[in-house]
Amino acid sequence: MAANSKSSKKPGKGKKFSPEAELAAAQEAIKSLRSTVAKLEKNVGKLEDRFEKRVSELRDDAKKLRVAAEKAGKSAVKSAKDAGKSAAKSARKVTDTKPAPAKKEKVEVVPVEKAPKSEMTVAELRAAARAQGVSGYSRMTKAQLVAALKR
């Protein structure tokens, strides 16, 4: 339709559209809307395809992660069991091999007057100090014990 024909012009003040012109304009609008709907449906189809592809990729990734997590879990359980077994073995070794009891050395009490004090061991000096009733002998050094016993 020509731009200056009566049927294509919009009504101005006081002008009316003819029914044919209104019908033609409505048909043109419907054609335009159908074209727009077709384009939108095409875009929706493309988006649905992309969405389904992405969902499929995410499911595959989730499966891979589950498998990896199961392997890691099994490995951790095995490591814990192995650690428990080696700890049990170590504990058995420790309990199976009891250290020989330390032999307590019997200290002979020698009268202090008769023994040379500088040649006596600390254990012998402490035994002599205990026999004489010296207080604090367990914390004294050898020199202190000799000095305490000379008194």
Protein backbone atom coordinates (compact mmCIF):
# COMPACT_ATOMS: atom_id res chain seq x y z
CA MET A 1 0.00 0.00 0.00
CA ALA A 2 1.24 3.41 -0.70
CA ALA A 3 2.22 5.70 2.09
CA ASN A 4 -0.10 8.46 0.94
CA SER A 5 -3.19 6.39 0.19
CA LYS A 6 -6.27 6.76 2.36
CA SER A 7 -6.36 3.11 3.45
CA SER A 8 -2.85 3.12 4.98
CA LYS A 9 -3.12 6.38 6.86
CA LYS A 10 -4.00 6.42 10.49
CA PRO A 11 -7.05 8.35 11.38
CA GLY A 12 -6.46 11.85 12.48
CA LYS A 13 -8.86 14.06 14.26
CA GLY A 14 -12.26 13.50 12.90
CA LYS A 15 -11.11 10.94 10.27
CA LYS A 16 -12.35 7.35 10.39
CA PHE A 17 -10.82 4.14 9.10
CA SER A 18 -12.73 2.13 6.66
CA PRO A 19 -13.55 -1.44 7.72
CA GLU A 20 -11.35 -2.79 4.91
CA ALA A 21 -8.42 -0.73 6.09
CA GLU A 22 -8.89 -1.86 9.66
CA LEU A 23 -9.10 -5.47 8.51
CA ALA A 24 -5.94 -5.12 6.46
CA ALA A 25 -4.10 -3.51 9.39
CA ALA A 26 -5.27 -6.28 11.72
CA GLN A 27 -4.17 -8.95 9.23
CA GLU A 28 -0.78 -7.26 8.93
CA ALA A 29 -0.43 -7.17 12.74
CA ILE A 30 -1.41 -10.85 12.97
CA LYS A 31 1.17 -11.74 10.30
CA SER A 32 3.84 -9.79 12.17
CA LEU A 33 2.89 -11.41 15.49
CA ARG A 34 2.94 -14.90 13.94
CA SER A 35 6.42 -14.21 12.62
CA THR A 36 7.56 -13.05 16.07
CA VAL A 37 5.99 -16.12 17.75
CA ALA A 38 7.76 -18.42 15.26
CA LYS A 39 11.12 -16.75 16.01
CA LEU A 40 10.52 -17.05 19.76
CA GLU A 41 9.54 -20.73 19.46
CA LYS A 42 12.75 -21.35 17.49
CA ASN A 43 14.81 -19.63 20.21
CA VAL A 44 13.02 -21.60 22.94
CA GLY A 45 13.84 -24.82 21.08
CA LYS A 46 17.51 -23.84 20.90
CA LEU A 47 17.55 -22.98 24.61
CA GLU A 48 15.88 -26.29 25.52
CA ASP A 49 18.53 -28.16 23.53
CA ARG A 50 21.32 -26.26 25.26
CA PHE A 51 19.68 -26.86 28.64
CA GLU A 52 19.33 -30.61 28.04
CA LYS A 53 22.95 -30.82 26.88
CA ARG A 54 24.18 -28.99 29.98
CA VAL A 55 22.06 -31.18 32.29
CA SER A 56 23.53 -34.26 30.63
CA GLU A 57 27.08 -32.90 31.12
CA LEU A 58 26.36 -32.18 34.79
CA ARG A 59 24.98 -35.70 35.32
CA ASP A 60 28.13 -37.18 33.77
CA ASP A 61 30.30 -34.99 36.00
CA ALA A 62 28.29 -36.05 39.06
CA LYS A 63 28.78 -39.73 38.19
CA LYS A 64 32.54 -39.19 37.84
CA LEU A 65 32.66 -37.38 41.18
CA ARG A 66 30.67 -40.15 42.90
CA VAL A 67 33.06 -42.79 41.56
CA ALA A 68 36.08 -40.75 42.69
CA ALA A 69 34.54 -40.20 46.13
CA GLU A 70 33.82 -43.90 46.53
CA LYS A 71 37.41 -44.76 45.58
CA ALA A 72 38.74 -42.17 48.02
CA GLY A 73 36.45 -43.48 50.76
CA LYS A 74 37.52 -47.07 50.18
CA SER A 75 41.15 -45.98 50.17
CA ALA A 76 40.68 -44.09 53.43
CA VAL A 77 38.98 -47.06 55.05
CA LYS A 78 41.77 -49.36 53.90
CA SER A 79 44.41 -46.95 55.20
CA ALA A 80 42.65 -46.72 58.55
CA LYS A 81 42.41 -50.51 58.79
CA ASP A 82 46.10 -50.87 57.88
CA ALA A 83 47.05 -48.25 60.46
CA GLY A 84 44.96 -50.05 63.07
CA LYS A 85 46.60 -53.37 62.22
CA SER A 86 50.12 -51.93 62.42
CA ALA A 87 49.27 -50.20 65.70
CA ALA A 88 47.96 -53.49 67.05
CA LYS A 89 51.14 -55.26 65.93
CA SER A 90 53.25 -52.59 67.60
CA ALA A 91 51.21 -52.90 70.77
CA ARG A 92 51.63 -56.67 70.74
CA LYS A 93 55.36 -56.32 70.26
CA VAL A 94 55.55 -53.93 73.17
CA THR A 95 53.49 -56.18 75.42
CA ASP A 96 55.18 -59.38 74.20
CA THR A 97 58.65 -58.10 74.90
CA LYS A 98 58.46 -57.02 78.47
CA PRO A 99 61.58 -55.32 79.67
CA ALA A 100 63.56 -57.26 82.20
CA PRO A 101 62.83 -55.96 85.66
CA ALA A 102 65.58 -53.71 86.88
CA LYS A 103 67.64 -55.44 89.48
CA LYS A 104 67.57 -53.48 92.63
CA GLU A 105 71.01 -53.07 93.93
CA LYS A 106 71.23 -53.91 97.54
CA VAL A 107 73.24 -51.37 99.34
CA GLU A 108 75.23 -52.65 102.20
CA VAL A 109 75.17 -50.41 105.21
CA VAL A 110 78.69 -49.93 106.43
CA PRO A 111 79.37 -48.17 109.65
CA VAL A 112 80.38 -44.67 108.68
CA GLU A 113 83.29 -44.56 111.04
CA LYS A 114 84.97 -47.51 109.35
CA ALA A 115 84.40 -46.62 105.63
CA PRO A 116 86.27 -43.95 103.71
CA LYS A 117 83.47 -41.58 102.72
CA SER A 118 84.99 -40.19 99.52
CA GLU A 119 85.24 -43.70 98.03
CA MET A 120 81.60 -44.60 98.77
CA THR A 121 78.89 -44.32 96.08
CA VAL A 122 75.99 -41.87 96.43
CA ALA A 123 73.66 -44.80 97.12
CA GLU A 124 75.90 -46.05 99.92
CA LEU A 125 76.23 -42.54 101.36
CA ARG A 126 72.45 -42.10 101.31
CA ALA A 127 71.98 -45.45 103.06
CA ALA A 128 74.48 -44.40 105.73
CA ALA A 129 72.75 -40.98 106.09
CA ARG A 130 69.39 -42.73 106.49
CA ALA A 131 70.89 -45.01 109.15
CA GLN A 132 72.23 -42.01 111.05
CA GLY A 133 68.96 -40.08 110.72
CA VAL A 134 70.22 -37.23 108.54
CA SER A 135 67.26 -35.27 107.20
CA GLY A 136 67.05 -34.30 103.51
CA TYR A 137 69.64 -36.87 102.42
CA SER A 138 67.68 -37.83 99.24
CA ARG A 139 68.22 -34.38 97.72
CA MET A 140 71.88 -34.02 98.70
CA THR A 141 74.83 -34.33 96.35
CA LYS A 142 77.72 -36.65 97.10
CA ALA A 143 79.82 -33.83 98.55
CA GLN A 144 76.92 -32.73 100.80
CA LEU A 145 76.37 -36.31 101.97
CA VAL A 146 80.08 -36.75 102.81
CA ALA A 147 80.01 -33.46 104.74
CA ALA A 148 76.82 -34.44 106.60
CA LEU A 149 78.21 -37.83 107.55
CA LYS A 150 81.48 -36.37 108.92
CA ARG A 151 79.65 -34.44 111.59
